[in-house]
């Protein structure tokens, strides 16, 4: 996560220690990247809204419903490459695959 999000390993460890699950640390770093806000701010919003879901947290962080980031969050279209952002692009890419919806 340190490499992918360009933050020091100590900061990643601090985030992991501040959330319930390592996946929550990943999502905190992802939202911080998308909103260009410090991960500490994301963690504060996470802690104040535990149990409400990442969609609520994303909205509170300024990610608008309907945006590429919000759709990526809701569909789980996240990148787990371990490569720095500059190598994978800064915005989520919309999937061209077929979803799991009705008649698909």
Protein backbone atom coordinates (compact mmCIF):
# COMPACT_ATOMS: atom_id res chain seq x y z
CA UNK A 1 0.00 0.00 0.00
CA UNK A 2 2.91 2.30 0.70
CA UNK A 3 4.16 2.02 -2.87
CA UNK A 4 0.75 2.15 -4.53
CA UNK A 5 -0.41 5.26 -2.69
CA UNK A 6 2.96 6.95 -2.31
CA UNK A 7 2.88 7.24 1.47
CA UNK A 8 5.55 6.20 3.97
CA UNK A 9 5.27 2.71 5.44
CA UNK A 10 4.99 4.19 8.95
CA UNK A 11 1.92 6.14 7.86
CA UNK A 12 0.37 2.99 6.39
CA UNK A 13 1.00 1.17 9.68
CA UNK A 14 -0.61 4.06 11.59
CA UNK A 15 -3.69 3.88 9.36
CA UNK A 16 -3.92 0.09 9.79
CA UNK A 17 -3.77 0.62 13.55
CA UNK A 18 -6.60 3.18 13.38
CA UNK A 19 -9.17 1.07 11.52
CA UNK A 20 -10.91 -2.25 12.13
CA UNK A 21 -9.64 -4.20 9.11
CA UNK A 22 -6.66 -3.88 6.73
CA UNK A 23 -9.19 -3.47 3.90
CA UNK A 24 -10.46 -0.34 5.66
CA UNK A 25 -6.90 1.02 5.59
CA UNK A 26 -6.76 0.39 1.83
CA UNK A 27 -10.09 2.17 1.33
CA UNK A 28 -8.95 5.09 3.50
CA UNK A 29 -5.84 5.49 1.38
CA UNK A 30 -7.88 5.12 -1.84
CA UNK A 31 -10.36 7.83 -0.78
CA UNK A 32 -7.52 10.08 0.30
CA UNK A 33 -5.99 9.70 -3.14
CA UNK A 34 -9.26 10.32 -4.99
CA UNK A 35 -10.17 13.36 -2.90
CA UNK A 36 -6.58 14.64 -2.60
CA UNK A 37 -7.08 14.95 1.16
CA UNK A 38 -4.81 13.64 3.91
CA UNK A 39 -5.52 10.05 4.89
CA UNK A 40 -5.78 11.20 8.52
CA UNK A 41 -8.85 13.22 7.53
CA UNK A 42 -10.37 10.17 5.83
CA UNK A 43 -9.71 8.07 8.96
CA UNK A 44 -11.49 10.68 11.13
CA UNK A 45 -14.54 10.57 8.85
CA UNK A 46 -14.35 6.73 8.85
CA UNK A 47 -14.27 6.62 12.65
CA UNK A 48 -17.21 9.04 12.95
CA UNK A 49 -19.28 6.99 10.47
CA UNK A 50 -18.41 3.38 11.28
CA UNK A 51 -21.10 0.97 10.20
CA UNK A 52 -22.63 3.35 7.65
CA UNK A 53 -20.61 2.05 4.71
CA UNK A 54 -17.95 3.42 2.41
CA UNK A 55 -20.54 5.10 0.17
CA UNK A 56 -21.54 7.38 3.05
CA UNK A 57 -17.91 8.05 3.92
CA UNK A 58 -17.12 8.84 0.27
CA UNK A 59 -20.00 11.33 0.09
CA UNK A 60 -18.83 13.00 3.30
CA UNK A 61 -15.35 13.28 1.77
CA UNK A 62 -16.78 15.08 -1.26
CA UNK A 63 -17.05 12.26 -3.80
CA UNK A 64 -20.23 12.90 -5.71
CA UNK A 65 -22.68 10.10 -6.50
CA UNK A 66 -22.47 9.48 -10.23
CA UNK A 67 -18.75 10.31 -10.41
CA UNK A 68 -16.26 7.78 -11.78
CA UNK A 69 -14.80 7.39 -8.29
CA UNK A 70 -18.20 6.70 -6.70
CA UNK A 71 -19.06 4.12 -9.38
CA UNK A 72 -15.67 2.45 -8.91
CA UNK A 73 -16.24 2.33 -5.15
CA UNK A 74 -19.72 0.84 -5.47
CA UNK A 75 -18.74 -1.72 -8.12
CA UNK A 76 -15.48 -2.70 -6.42
CA UNK A 77 -13.53 -1.62 -9.49
CA UNK A 78 -10.39 -0.76 -7.53
CA UNK A 79 -6.74 -1.36 -8.42
CA UNK A 80 -4.66 -3.61 -6.22
CA UNK A 81 -1.50 -3.47 -8.29
CA UNK A 82 1.04 -2.39 -5.71
CA UNK A 83 2.43 0.00 -8.35
CA UNK A 84 2.61 3.76 -7.85
CA UNK A 85 -0.38 5.79 -9.03
CA UNK A 86 1.59 7.33 -11.89
CA UNK A 87 1.85 3.86 -13.47
CA UNK A 88 -1.83 3.00 -13.20
CA UNK A 89 -3.58 6.33 -13.71
CA UNK A 90 -5.25 8.51 -11.12
CA UNK A 91 -8.90 7.91 -11.92
CA UNK A 92 -10.72 4.59 -11.90
CA UNK A 93 -11.40 3.08 -15.28
CA UNK A 94 -14.96 2.08 -16.05
CA UNK A 95 -15.30 -1.63 -16.62
CA UNK A 96 -16.34 -2.74 -20.10
CA UNK A 97 -17.27 -6.17 -18.85
CA UNK A 98 -20.76 -7.36 -18.19
CA UNK A 99 -21.95 -7.06 -14.62
CA UNK A 100 -23.91 -9.55 -12.52
CA UNK A 101 -27.21 -7.78 -13.07
CA UNK A 102 -30.47 -9.13 -14.47
CA UNK A 103 -30.26 -10.94 -17.87
CA UNK A 104 -26.53 -10.58 -18.20
